[in-house]
Each structure stands twice: as structure tokens, then as C-alpha cells.
Amino acid sequence: MNAICIKGLVKTYRTGTQALKGVDLSIADGDFFALLGANGAGKTTIIGILTGLVTKTGGKVEIFGHDIDTDFEAAKKSIGVVPQEFNFHMFEQVQDIVVNQAGYFGIDHKTALKDSQEILKRVGLWEKRKAISRTLSGGMKRRLMIARGLIHHPRMLILDEPTAGVDVELRHGMWEYLRQINAAGTTILLTTHYLEEVEQMCNNCAIIKEGEIVLLDNVRHLLTKVPQDTYRVTVKEMLSLDQVRSFNPVKIDEHTLDIEIQKREELNEVILKLAQSGFVITDFHPKGNRLEKLFLEIVQR
């Protein structure tokens, strides 16, 4: 069974804007799937239809086999949602927000308290369970949103820009947690502007453009289509870039530059050429933006 099965999905707003133009999309149970697109491409409309916030104009949508037109309550119980904007009560305590959410799904208070303890510990918020939510940092608020979305043990978690505004350290911690729940069987649908997240975590992805799916593929397969990788190089002292022009160097600051390496080139040879040009390298790692290049090529066509 697919987690999501969308066929011929159409959405036309009262203004006449056609946000979705016959979208077909299937997401397998247990997948970690990314839905990508520029602002206004149709991502938010699809998520709104899946969650019942937007009424579709035409087409068919099933969530774990439940048609949203005839069996929406069962479909809704199958998903947890982490929206982009914070939409919890800012003057409630952290644990109360999670427990109250469980009540909307018919979970009794005793069970909700027990489950909230486990979930808040897993997202690193147990020590903050009595804190007023508005006092939390931005990263903690994001984790609270995830905890709230998981309290009814959904089979699928929809994440709309879950790491927006979160610093790098917290973002990596959230990645690890999301990997864990996905490995445990939870299907994840992710929208994000951080394409390195897709490279690091997702199995499959789709790109939507002007209301139509223009690409659907396995992430690893997509990355093989990009002819070069970008590496970030930290050096002891910035020298002239003339001798390494073949790498298309971009100076970031006095100790950092980005270079492009063709896949056919050996890393050892690249490092040797930098050293022969006088650079003393202190760090050298892939920047992880191959998918970004492919994405920009597609959306800018």
C-alpha cells in the first residue's frame, strides 16, 4: 500500500489561479520523500489538501488507502503535520500542548501523559516540559511542533520547512531524530529550501513547477546526473587563485574558498595541485549542493 496516492489532482482558486494542474504522485509506505519547488509552485496547496485545509477542485487523493472524500477521518488519523508557522498557544506549557493535541484524536489523558513523556524525551524537551512555550528558542519550538505532530502515533509525518530558522547544530540533531523515526517505519513527506537535507536524508523526491510535477526520481540517481561536485576548502592563508582557475574557485573569506571538481578527477590529484600552488590546506570537504544545481536548472527553464 502507498502512503499517498494522488491522481489527476486539480485546484483552481476563486481568483481563477490554477494552483494544481492534474498532479499524479505516489509515495510508498515507509519512504522518506521530498516535495520540492519554488514559492508558489503548488507544494503548500498539496499539503493543504492532504490535511483538509484546502478543498480540491478535482482528482482523487488516498492516504493509506483512505479516500479523503469518503473517509477523511481515517485518513486524518494516519498523518501528523508539522506546519511551517508556529501555531500552538504561546502561553501554554510544553507538555500541555502535546497532551491536548492527543485529545483531538481520542487519546485518553493518562495515555497521552505517558506518551508525551517518551516523545518529549526523544526530541530533547523533557527538561522543558513545564516551560511556557513562548520562552523556548526557535529550535525548541520546532521540536515541540514535531512532538505535537507525533503524539497520536501517525503512520506518516508531513514536515513543511521544519528546520527554517534553526541553527546548524540543532538542524543536524533534528535530521538524526527524523532518520530514527523513519527507520522505525514512519513515512515522512518533507518540503524544504535546504536541499542538503534532501541529499542527506531522502530516498525519493519530486519537483513541482507551476502546478505540475516536472521530475520524480530517486535522490541518489539524480545526483549521478550532476557532472561536478563543489568542495569547501579551508586554507592557512589565501593566495592568488590564478593557478587553480580550472576549479572555478570562489573566495568566501580570507581562509575559505569553494572549488568545483569534475567527477572524473581524483581528489588526491586536486589536493596535490592546490598544494603545488602554495595553498596549505587545513580542511577539505564536500559542500553538498549538487541537488541544488539540478533544482535550479529545472525551475529556471
C-alpha atoms as a PDB file:
ATOM      1  CA  MET A   1       0.000   0.000   0.000  1.00  0.00           C
ATOM      2  CA  ASN A   2       1.151   3.528  -0.782  1.00  0.00           C
ATOM      3  CA  ALA A   3       1.174   6.116   1.966  1.00  0.00           C
ATOM      4  CA  ILE A   4      -0.128   8.673  -0.523  1.00  0.00           C
ATOM      5  CA  CYS A   5      -1.765   8.128  -3.892  1.00  0.00           C
ATOM      6  CA  ILE A   6      -2.717  11.248  -5.849  1.00  0.00           C
ATOM      7  CA  LYS A   7      -4.312  11.064  -9.278  1.00  0.00           C
ATOM      8  CA  GLY A   8      -5.290  13.975 -11.509  1.00  0.00           C
ATOM      9  CA  LEU A   9      -5.302  16.461  -8.632  1.00  0.00           C
ATOM     10  CA  VAL A  10      -6.583  19.887  -9.647  1.00  0.00           C
ATOM     11  CA  LYS A  11      -7.014  23.034  -7.610  1.00  0.00           C
ATOM     12  CA  THR A  12      -8.386  26.272  -9.017  1.00  0.00           C
ATOM     13  CA  TYR A  13      -8.886  29.152  -6.599  1.00  0.00           C
ATOM     14  CA  ARG A  14     -11.773  31.614  -6.794  1.00  0.00           C
ATOM     15  CA  THR A  15      -9.440  34.166  -8.321  1.00  0.00           C
ATOM     16  CA  GLY A  16      -9.017  31.853 -11.289  1.00  0.00           C
ATOM     17  CA  THR A  17      -5.478  30.846 -10.374  1.00  0.00           C
ATOM     18  CA  GLN A  18      -4.890  27.177 -11.178  1.00  0.00           C
ATOM     19  CA  ALA A  19      -2.519  26.051  -8.447  1.00  0.00           C
ATOM     20  CA  LEU A  20      -2.517  22.366  -9.421  1.00  0.00           C
ATOM     21  CA  LYS A  21      -2.914  21.118 -12.981  1.00  0.00           C
ATOM     22  CA  GLY A  22      -3.631  17.401 -12.817  1.00  0.00           C
ATOM     23  CA  VAL A  23      -0.934  16.211 -10.394  1.00  0.00           C
ATOM     24  CA  ASP A  24      -0.164  12.473 -10.206  1.00  0.00           C
ATOM     25  CA  LEU A  25       2.021  11.425  -7.290  1.00  0.00           C
ATOM     26  CA  SER A  26       2.535   8.246  -5.246  1.00  0.00           C
ATOM     27  CA  ILE A  27       4.633   7.940  -2.085  1.00  0.00           C
ATOM     28  CA  ALA A  28       5.425   4.465  -0.793  1.00  0.00           C
ATOM     29  CA  ASP A  29       4.745   3.414   2.785  1.00  0.00           C
ATOM     30  CA  GLY A  30       7.958   3.904   4.772  1.00  0.00           C
ATOM     31  CA  ASP A  31       9.555   6.316   2.291  1.00  0.00           C
ATOM     32  CA  PHE A  32      11.433   9.498   3.198  1.00  0.00           C
ATOM     33  CA  PHE A  33      10.168  11.710   0.393  1.00  0.00           C
ATOM     34  CA  ALA A  34      10.914  15.322  -0.529  1.00  0.00           C
ATOM     35  CA  LEU A  35       8.478  17.569  -2.380  1.00  0.00           C
ATOM     36  CA  LEU A  36      10.448  20.467  -3.832  1.00  0.00           C
ATOM     37  CA  GLY A  37       9.519  23.590  -5.711  1.00  0.00           C
ATOM     38  CA  ALA A  38       9.863  27.349  -5.755  1.00  0.00           C
ATOM     39  CA  ASN A  39       7.466  29.507  -3.755  1.00  0.00           C
ATOM     40  CA  GLY A  40       4.051  29.370  -5.399  1.00  0.00           C
ATOM     41  CA  ALA A  41       4.771  26.135  -7.270  1.00  0.00           C
ATOM     42  CA  GLY A  42       1.975  24.205  -5.544  1.00  0.00           C
ATOM     43  CA  LYS A  43       3.669  22.452  -2.604  1.00  0.00           C
ATOM     44  CA  THR A  44       1.595  24.183   0.059  1.00  0.00           C
ATOM     45  CA  THR A  45      -1.616  23.534  -1.857  1.00  0.00           C
ATOM     46  CA  ILE A  46      -0.894  19.797  -1.991  1.00  0.00           C
ATOM     47  CA  ILE A  47      -0.169  19.703   1.737  1.00  0.00           C
ATOM     48  CA  GLY A  48      -3.293  21.746   2.421  1.00  0.00           C
ATOM     49  CA  ILE A  49      -5.412  19.229   0.508  1.00  0.00           C
ATOM     50  CA  LEU A  50      -3.792  16.273   2.292  1.00  0.00           C
ATOM     51  CA  THR A  51      -4.508  17.825   5.679  1.00  0.00           C
ATOM     52  CA  GLY A  52      -8.004  19.070   4.917  1.00  0.00           C
ATOM     53  CA  LEU A  53      -7.179  22.779   4.999  1.00  0.00           C
ATOM     54  CA  VAL A  54      -7.717  23.205   1.253  1.00  0.00           C
ATOM     55  CA  THR A  55     -10.601  21.793  -0.796  1.00  0.00           C
ATOM     56  CA  LYS A  56      -9.543  20.231  -4.082  1.00  0.00           C
ATOM     57  CA  THR A  57     -11.279  21.117  -7.331  1.00  0.00           C
ATOM     58  CA  GLY A  58     -10.859  17.711  -8.913  1.00  0.00           C
ATOM     59  CA  GLY A  59      -8.927  14.452  -8.805  1.00  0.00           C
ATOM     60  CA  LYS A  60      -8.524  11.655  -6.287  1.00  0.00           C
ATOM     61  CA  VAL A  61      -6.452  11.517  -3.118  1.00  0.00           C
ATOM     62  CA  GLU A  62      -5.919   8.477  -0.885  1.00  0.00           C
ATOM     63  CA  ILE A  63      -3.922   8.334   2.334  1.00  0.00           C
ATOM     64  CA  PHE A  64      -3.041   4.751   3.255  1.00  0.00           C
ATOM     65  CA  GLY A  65      -5.966   3.636   1.130  1.00  0.00           C
ATOM     66  CA  HIS A  66      -8.462   6.044   2.732  1.00  0.00           C
ATOM     67  CA  ASP A  67     -10.157   8.321   0.199  1.00  0.00           C
ATOM     68  CA  ILE A  68     -10.211  11.868   1.614  1.00  0.00           C
ATOM     69  CA  ASP A  69     -13.656  12.440   0.074  1.00  0.00           C
ATOM     70  CA  THR A  70     -15.369   9.440   1.679  1.00  0.00           C
ATOM     71  CA  ASP A  71     -13.171   8.525   4.663  1.00  0.00           C
ATOM     72  CA  PHE A  72     -11.374  11.681   5.709  1.00  0.00           C
ATOM     73  CA  GLU A  73     -11.409  10.974   9.462  1.00  0.00           C
ATOM     74  CA  ALA A  74      -9.453   7.730   8.996  1.00  0.00           C
ATOM     75  CA  ALA A  75      -7.097   9.475   6.584  1.00  0.00           C
ATOM     76  CA  LYS A  76      -6.521  12.341   9.021  1.00  0.00           C
ATOM     77  CA  LYS A  77      -5.639   9.972  11.874  1.00  0.00           C
ATOM     78  CA  SER A  78      -2.932   8.457   9.685  1.00  0.00           C
ATOM     79  CA  ILE A  79      -0.941  11.684   9.421  1.00  0.00           C
ATOM     80  CA  GLY A  80       0.853  14.068  11.717  1.00  0.00           C
ATOM     81  CA  VAL A  81       1.534  17.586  10.497  1.00  0.00           C
ATOM     82  CA  VAL A  82       4.352  19.983  11.332  1.00  0.00           C
ATOM     83  CA  PRO A  83       3.440  23.260   9.572  1.00  0.00           C
ATOM     84  CA  GLN A  84       5.916  25.957   8.692  1.00  0.00           C
ATOM     85  CA  GLU A  85       4.430  28.548  11.042  1.00  0.00           C
ATOM     86  CA  PHE A  86       4.235  28.105  14.816  1.00  0.00           C
ATOM     87  CA  ASN A  87       0.551  27.618  15.572  1.00  0.00           C
ATOM     88  CA  PHE A  88       0.424  26.494  19.187  1.00  0.00           C
ATOM     89  CA  HIS A  89      -0.743  28.523  22.194  1.00  0.00           C
ATOM     90  CA  MET A  90       2.252  30.607  23.226  1.00  0.00           C
ATOM     91  CA  PHE A  91       1.158  30.809  26.866  1.00  0.00           C
ATOM     92  CA  GLU A  92       0.634  27.077  27.441  1.00  0.00           C
ATOM     93  CA  GLN A  93       3.194  24.752  28.950  1.00  0.00           C
ATOM     94  CA  VAL A  94       5.125  22.476  26.607  1.00  0.00           C
ATOM     95  CA  GLN A  95       3.704  19.167  27.846  1.00  0.00           C
ATOM     96  CA  ASP A  96       0.166  20.536  27.921  1.00  0.00           C
ATOM     97  CA  ILE A  97       0.399  21.438  24.235  1.00  0.00           C
ATOM     98  CA  VAL A  98       1.370  17.891  23.331  1.00  0.00           C
ATOM     99  CA  VAL A  99      -1.174  16.250  25.641  1.00  0.00           C
ATOM    100  CA  ASN A 100      -4.021  18.482  24.460  1.00  0.00           C
ATOM    101  CA  GLN A 101      -3.235  17.578  20.861  1.00  0.00           C
ATOM    102  CA  ALA A 102      -3.657  13.898  21.724  1.00  0.00           C
ATOM    103  CA  GLY A 103      -7.189  14.641  22.900  1.00  0.00           C
ATOM    104  CA  TYR A 104      -8.198  15.672  19.382  1.00  0.00           C
ATOM    105  CA  PHE A 105      -7.519  12.107  18.297  1.00  0.00           C
ATOM    106  CA  GLY A 106      -9.477  10.463  21.109  1.00  0.00           C
ATOM    107  CA  ILE A 107      -6.451   9.517  23.213  1.00  0.00           C
ATOM    108  CA  ASP A 108      -7.268   9.477  26.933  1.00  0.00           C
ATOM    109  CA  HIS A 109      -5.408  11.814  29.274  1.00  0.00           C
ATOM    110  CA  LYS A 110      -3.462   9.102  31.129  1.00  0.00           C
ATOM    111  CA  THR A 111      -2.152   7.565  27.915  1.00  0.00           C
ATOM    112  CA  ALA A 112      -1.344  10.990  26.490  1.00  0.00           C
ATOM    113  CA  LEU A 113       0.721  11.890  29.571  1.00  0.00           C
ATOM    114  CA  LYS A 114       2.704   8.663  29.295  1.00  0.00           C
ATOM    115  CA  ASP A 115       3.265   9.016  25.559  1.00  0.00           C
ATOM    116  CA  SER A 116       4.170  12.701  25.824  1.00  0.00           C
ATOM    117  CA  GLN A 117       6.933  11.848  28.272  1.00  0.00           C
ATOM    118  CA  GLU A 118       8.528   9.442  25.807  1.00  0.00           C
ATOM    119  CA  ILE A 119       8.197  11.799  22.836  1.00  0.00           C
ATOM    120  CA  LEU A 120       9.442  14.896  24.679  1.00  0.00           C
ATOM    121  CA  LYS A 121      12.494  12.948  25.847  1.00  0.00           C
ATOM    122  CA  ARG A 122      13.193  11.842  22.297  1.00  0.00           C
ATOM    123  CA  VAL A 123      13.093  15.416  20.966  1.00  0.00           C
ATOM    124  CA  GLY A 124      15.134  16.770  23.889  1.00  0.00           C
ATOM    125  CA  LEU A 125      12.352  18.781  25.526  1.00  0.00           C
ATOM    126  CA  TRP A 126      11.572  16.783  28.652  1.00  0.00           C
ATOM    127  CA  GLU A 127      13.521  19.182  30.866  1.00  0.00           C
ATOM    128  CA  LYS A 128      11.424  21.998  29.400  1.00  0.00           C
ATOM    129  CA  ARG A 129       8.058  20.255  29.847  1.00  0.00           C
ATOM    130  CA  LYS A 130       6.806  22.867  32.364  1.00  0.00           C
ATOM    131  CA  ALA A 131       8.161  25.855  30.452  1.00  0.00           C
ATOM    132  CA  ILE A 132       5.784  28.345  28.841  1.00  0.00           C
ATOM    133  CA  SER A 133       6.134  27.716  25.120  1.00  0.00           C
ATOM    134  CA  ARG A 134       6.812  31.331  24.161  1.00  0.00           C
ATOM    135  CA  THR A 135      10.021  31.240  26.241  1.00  0.00           C
ATOM    136  CA  LEU A 136      11.518  28.479  24.084  1.00  0.00           C
ATOM    137  CA  SER A 137      14.198  29.134  21.491  1.00  0.00           C
ATOM    138  CA  GLY A 138      13.306  28.836  17.819  1.00  0.00           C
ATOM    139  CA  GLY A 139      14.872  25.380  17.591  1.00  0.00           C
ATOM    140  CA  MET A 140      12.994  24.149  20.636  1.00  0.00           C
ATOM    141  CA  LYS A 141       9.730  25.443  19.219  1.00  0.00           C
ATOM    142  CA  ARG A 142      10.388  23.443  16.048  1.00  0.00           C
ATOM    143  CA  ARG A 143      10.980  20.317  18.121  1.00  0.00           C
ATOM    144  CA  LEU A 144       7.799  20.991  20.057  1.00  0.00           C
ATOM    145  CA  MET A 145       5.918  21.097  16.744  1.00  0.00           C
ATOM    146  CA  ILE A 146       7.361  17.702  15.830  1.00  0.00           C
ATOM    147  CA  ALA A 147       6.440  16.244  19.232  1.00  0.00           C
ATOM    148  CA  ARG A 148       2.886  17.515  18.838  1.00  0.00           C
ATOM    149  CA  GLY A 149       2.667  16.031  15.352  1.00  0.00           C
ATOM    150  CA  LEU A 150       3.768  12.605  16.631  1.00  0.00           C
ATOM    151  CA  ILE A 151       1.637  12.295  19.768  1.00  0.00           C
ATOM    152  CA  HIS A 152      -1.093  10.221  18.094  1.00  0.00           C
ATOM    153  CA  HIS A 153       1.492   7.848  16.538  1.00  0.00           C
ATOM    154  CA  PRO A 154       0.706   8.668  12.904  1.00  0.00           C
ATOM    155  CA  ARG A 155       1.888   6.391  10.111  1.00  0.00           C
ATOM    156  CA  MET A 156       3.093   9.437   8.177  1.00  0.00           C
ATOM    157  CA  LEU A 157       4.619  12.755   9.242  1.00  0.00           C
ATOM    158  CA  ILE A 158       4.290  15.800   6.966  1.00  0.00           C
ATOM    159  CA  LEU A 159       7.044  18.350   7.557  1.00  0.00           C
ATOM    160  CA  ASP A 160       6.692  21.765   5.939  1.00  0.00           C
ATOM    161  CA  GLU A 161      10.041  23.572   6.228  1.00  0.00           C
ATOM    162  CA  PRO A 162      10.736  22.004   9.662  1.00  0.00           C
ATOM    163  CA  THR A 163      14.232  23.454  10.093  1.00  0.00           C
ATOM    164  CA  ALA A 164      13.546  27.016   8.918  1.00  0.00           C
ATOM    165  CA  GLY A 165      15.333  29.386  11.270  1.00  0.00           C
ATOM    166  CA  VAL A 166      17.078  26.582  13.148  1.00  0.00           C
ATOM    167  CA  ASP A 167      20.837  26.828  13.635  1.00  0.00           C
ATOM    168  CA  VAL A 168      23.139  24.255  12.048  1.00  0.00           C
ATOM    169  CA  GLU A 169      23.802  22.226  15.217  1.00  0.00           C
ATOM    170  CA  LEU A 170      20.109  21.852  16.048  1.00  0.00           C
ATOM    171  CA  ARG A 171      19.297  21.124  12.413  1.00  0.00           C
ATOM    172  CA  HIS A 172      21.680  18.169  12.374  1.00  0.00           C
ATOM    173  CA  GLY A 173      20.176  16.902  15.621  1.00  0.00           C
ATOM    174  CA  MET A 174      16.709  17.056  14.077  1.00  0.00           C
ATOM    175  CA  TRP A 175      17.957  15.200  10.987  1.00  0.00           C
ATOM    176  CA  GLU A 176      19.174  12.363  13.178  1.00  0.00           C
ATOM    177  CA  TYR A 177      15.863  12.144  15.026  1.00  0.00           C
ATOM    178  CA  LEU A 178      13.900  12.129  11.776  1.00  0.00           C
ATOM    179  CA  ARG A 179      16.108   9.350  10.427  1.00  0.00           C
ATOM    180  CA  GLN A 180      15.332   7.314  13.532  1.00  0.00           C
ATOM    181  CA  ILE A 181      11.565   7.618  13.277  1.00  0.00           C
ATOM    182  CA  ASN A 182      11.710   6.907   9.552  1.00  0.00           C
ATOM    183  CA  ALA A 183      13.817   3.803  10.190  1.00  0.00           C
ATOM    184  CA  ALA A 184      11.180   2.726  12.731  1.00  0.00           C
ATOM    185  CA  GLY A 185       8.555   2.772   9.970  1.00  0.00           C
ATOM    186  CA  THR A 186       7.115   6.292   9.875  1.00  0.00           C
ATOM    187  CA  THR A 187       6.682   7.651   6.353  1.00  0.00           C
ATOM    188  CA  ILE A 188       7.971  11.216   6.043  1.00  0.00           C
ATOM    189  CA  LEU A 189       6.964  13.837   3.491  1.00  0.00           C
ATOM    190  CA  LEU A 190       9.313  16.815   3.612  1.00  0.00           C
ATOM    191  CA  THR A 191       9.296  20.232   1.984  1.00  0.00           C
ATOM    192  CA  THR A 192      12.439  22.276   2.480  1.00  0.00           C
ATOM    193  CA  HIS A 193      14.580  25.005   0.952  1.00  0.00           C
ATOM    194  CA  TYR A 194      17.699  23.386   2.440  1.00  0.00           C
ATOM    195  CA  LEU A 195      18.490  20.967  -0.369  1.00  0.00           C
ATOM    196  CA  GLU A 196      21.380  19.446   1.533  1.00  0.00           C
ATOM    197  CA  GLU A 197      18.700  17.977   3.809  1.00  0.00           C
ATOM    198  CA  VAL A 198      17.265  16.149   0.820  1.00  0.00           C
ATOM    199  CA  GLU A 199      20.702  14.853  -0.173  1.00  0.00           C
ATOM    200  CA  GLN A 200      21.391  13.658   3.364  1.00  0.00           C
ATOM    201  CA  MET A 201      18.055  12.099   4.283  1.00  0.00           C
ATOM    202  CA  CYS A 202      15.575  11.484   1.484  1.00  0.00           C
ATOM    203  CA  ASN A 203      15.167   8.396  -0.665  1.00  0.00           C
ATOM    204  CA  ASN A 204      12.980   9.908  -3.386  1.00  0.00           C
ATOM    205  CA  CYS A 205      11.866  13.352  -4.426  1.00  0.00           C
ATOM    206  CA  ALA A 206       9.568  15.227  -6.774  1.00  0.00           C
ATOM    207  CA  ILE A 207       9.926  18.737  -8.141  1.00  0.00           C
ATOM    208  CA  ILE A 208       6.742  20.689  -8.791  1.00  0.00           C
ATOM    209  CA  LYS A 209       6.694  23.700 -11.093  1.00  0.00           C
ATOM    210  CA  GLU A 210       3.680  25.884 -11.835  1.00  0.00           C
ATOM    211  CA  GLY A 211       1.278  23.249 -10.524  1.00  0.00           C
ATOM    212  CA  GLU A 212       2.767  20.280 -12.373  1.00  0.00           C
ATOM    213  CA  ILE A 213       5.210  17.549 -11.351  1.00  0.00           C
ATOM    214  CA  VAL A 214       8.186  18.012 -13.669  1.00  0.00           C
ATOM    215  CA  LEU A 215      10.539  15.484 -12.091  1.00  0.00           C
ATOM    216  CA  LEU A 216      10.109  12.368  -9.960  1.00  0.00           C
ATOM    217  CA  ASP A 217      13.149  10.251  -9.199  1.00  0.00           C
ATOM    218  CA  ASN A 218      15.376   8.547  -6.660  1.00  0.00           C
ATOM    219  CA  VAL A 219      17.664  11.088  -4.994  1.00  0.00           C
ATOM    220  CA  ARG A 220      20.833   9.014  -5.435  1.00  0.00           C
ATOM    221  CA  HIS A 221      20.057   8.568  -9.119  1.00  0.00           C
ATOM    222  CA  LEU A 222      19.504  12.306  -9.531  1.00  0.00           C
ATOM    223  CA  LEU A 223      22.882  13.103  -8.016  1.00  0.00           C
ATOM    224  CA  THR A 224      24.634  10.984 -10.646  1.00  0.00           C
ATOM    225  CA  LYS A 225      23.301  13.394 -13.282  1.00  0.00           C
ATOM    226  CA  VAL A 226      25.313  16.290 -11.857  1.00  0.00           C
ATOM    227  CA  PRO A 227      28.735  16.322 -13.576  1.00  0.00           C
ATOM    228  CA  GLN A 228      30.675  18.021 -10.784  1.00  0.00           C
ATOM    229  CA  ASP A 229      30.822  18.346  -7.016  1.00  0.00           C
ATOM    230  CA  THR A 230      31.546  21.508  -5.036  1.00  0.00           C
ATOM    231  CA  TYR A 231      34.087  21.272  -2.226  1.00  0.00           C
ATOM    232  CA  ARG A 232      34.768  23.779   0.514  1.00  0.00           C
ATOM    233  CA  VAL A 233      38.477  24.253   1.199  1.00  0.00           C
ATOM    234  CA  THR A 234      39.899  25.929   4.298  1.00  0.00           C
ATOM    235  CA  VAL A 235      43.464  27.167   3.904  1.00  0.00           C
ATOM    236  CA  LYS A 236      46.039  28.636   6.255  1.00  0.00           C
ATOM    237  CA  GLU A 237      46.485  31.673   4.013  1.00  0.00           C
ATOM    238  CA  MET A 238      44.596  32.841   0.932  1.00  0.00           C
ATOM    239  CA  LEU A 239      46.872  33.093  -2.118  1.00  0.00           C
ATOM    240  CA  SER A 240      46.303  34.042  -5.728  1.00  0.00           C
ATOM    241  CA  LEU A 241      43.618  31.907  -7.384  1.00  0.00           C
ATOM    242  CA  ASP A 242      45.134  32.204 -10.862  1.00  0.00           C
ATOM    243  CA  GLN A 243      46.860  28.815 -10.708  1.00  0.00           C
ATOM    244  CA  VAL A 244      43.649  26.992  -9.764  1.00  0.00           C
ATOM    245  CA  ARG A 245      41.277  28.690 -12.227  1.00  0.00           C
ATOM    246  CA  SER A 246      40.399  25.295 -13.709  1.00  0.00           C
ATOM    247  CA  PHE A 247      38.481  24.542 -10.468  1.00  0.00           C
ATOM    248  CA  ASN A 248      36.277  27.654 -10.830  1.00  0.00           C
ATOM    249  CA  PRO A 249      37.340  28.886  -7.377  1.00  0.00           C
ATOM    250  CA  VAL A 250      35.107  31.209  -5.382  1.00  0.00           C
ATOM    251  CA  LYS A 251      36.701  33.086  -2.484  1.00  0.00           C
ATOM    252  CA  ILE A 252      34.446  33.017   0.592  1.00  0.00           C
ATOM    253  CA  ASP A 253      36.764  34.795   3.037  1.00  0.00           C
ATOM    254  CA  GLU A 254      40.491  35.100   3.799  1.00  0.00           C
ATOM    255  CA  HIS A 255      40.759  31.415   4.699  1.00  0.00           C
ATOM    256  CA  THR A 256      37.949  29.740   2.718  1.00  0.00           C
ATOM    257  CA  LEU A 257      37.200  29.020  -0.919  1.00  0.00           C
ATOM    258  CA  ASP A 258      34.832  26.797  -2.879  1.00  0.00           C
ATOM    259  CA  ILE A 259      36.059  24.779  -5.845  1.00  0.00           C
ATOM    260  CA  GLU A 260      34.310  22.598  -8.408  1.00  0.00           C
ATOM    261  CA  ILE A 261      35.647  19.147  -9.151  1.00  0.00           C
ATOM    262  CA  GLN A 262      34.626  17.093 -12.156  1.00  0.00           C
ATOM    263  CA  LYS A 263      33.611  13.552 -11.205  1.00  0.00           C
ATOM    264  CA  ARG A 264      36.365  12.105 -13.351  1.00  0.00           C
ATOM    265  CA  GLU A 265      39.037  13.915 -11.323  1.00  0.00           C
ATOM    266  CA  GLU A 266      40.808  12.208  -8.442  1.00  0.00           C
ATOM    267  CA  LEU A 267      40.619  14.062  -5.130  1.00  0.00           C
ATOM    268  CA  ASN A 268      44.274  13.331  -4.377  1.00  0.00           C
ATOM    269  CA  GLU A 269      45.283  14.995  -7.633  1.00  0.00           C
ATOM    270  CA  VAL A 270      43.164  18.043  -6.818  1.00  0.00           C
ATOM    271  CA  ILE A 271      44.683  18.367  -3.343  1.00  0.00           C
ATOM    272  CA  LEU A 272      48.168  17.949  -4.839  1.00  0.00           C
ATOM    273  CA  LYS A 273      47.551  20.722  -7.375  1.00  0.00           C
ATOM    274  CA  LEU A 274      46.364  23.055  -4.613  1.00  0.00           C
ATOM    275  CA  ALA A 275      49.452  22.233  -2.571  1.00  0.00           C
ATOM    276  CA  GLN A 276      51.728  22.790  -5.574  1.00  0.00           C
ATOM    277  CA  SER A 277      50.116  26.212  -5.975  1.00  0.00           C
ATOM    278  CA  GLY A 278      51.236  27.057  -2.433  1.00  0.00           C
ATOM    279  CA  PHE A 279      47.992  26.521  -0.515  1.00  0.00           C
ATOM    280  CA  VAL A 280      48.285  24.962   2.941  1.00  0.00           C
ATOM    281  CA  ILE A 281      45.015  23.055   3.371  1.00  0.00           C
ATOM    282  CA  THR A 282      43.567  22.711   6.867  1.00  0.00           C
ATOM    283  CA  ASP A 283      40.129  21.337   5.885  1.00  0.00           C
ATOM    284  CA  PHE A 284      38.602  19.875   2.729  1.00  0.00           C
ATOM    285  CA  HIS A 285      35.035  18.563   2.492  1.00  0.00           C
ATOM    286  CA  PRO A 286      32.121  18.294   0.032  1.00  0.00           C
ATOM    287  CA  LYS A 287      29.749  21.213   0.241  1.00  0.00           C
ATOM    288  CA  GLY A 288      26.776  19.014  -0.649  1.00  0.00           C
ATOM    289  CA  ASN A 289      24.918  21.236  -3.072  1.00  0.00           C
ATOM    290  CA  ARG A 290      24.706  19.002  -6.164  1.00  0.00           C
ATOM    291  CA  LEU A 291      20.938  18.712  -5.923  1.00  0.00           C
ATOM    292  CA  GLU A 292      20.644  22.487  -5.646  1.00  0.00           C
ATOM    293  CA  LYS A 293      22.289  22.907  -9.044  1.00  0.00           C
ATOM    294  CA  LEU A 294      19.936  20.424 -10.654  1.00  0.00           C
ATOM    295  CA  PHE A 295      16.933  22.020  -8.938  1.00  0.00           C
ATOM    296  CA  LEU A 296      17.859  25.492 -10.178  1.00  0.00           C
ATOM    297  CA  GLU A 297      18.350  24.206 -13.711  1.00  0.00           C
ATOM    298  CA  ILE A 298      14.840  22.734 -13.708  1.00  0.00           C
ATOM    299  CA  VAL A 299      12.905  25.589 -12.085  1.00  0.00           C
ATOM    300  CA  GLN A 300      14.656  28.266 -14.160  1.00  0.00           C
ATOM    301  CA  ARG A 301      13.919  26.642 -17.534  1.00  0.00           C
END
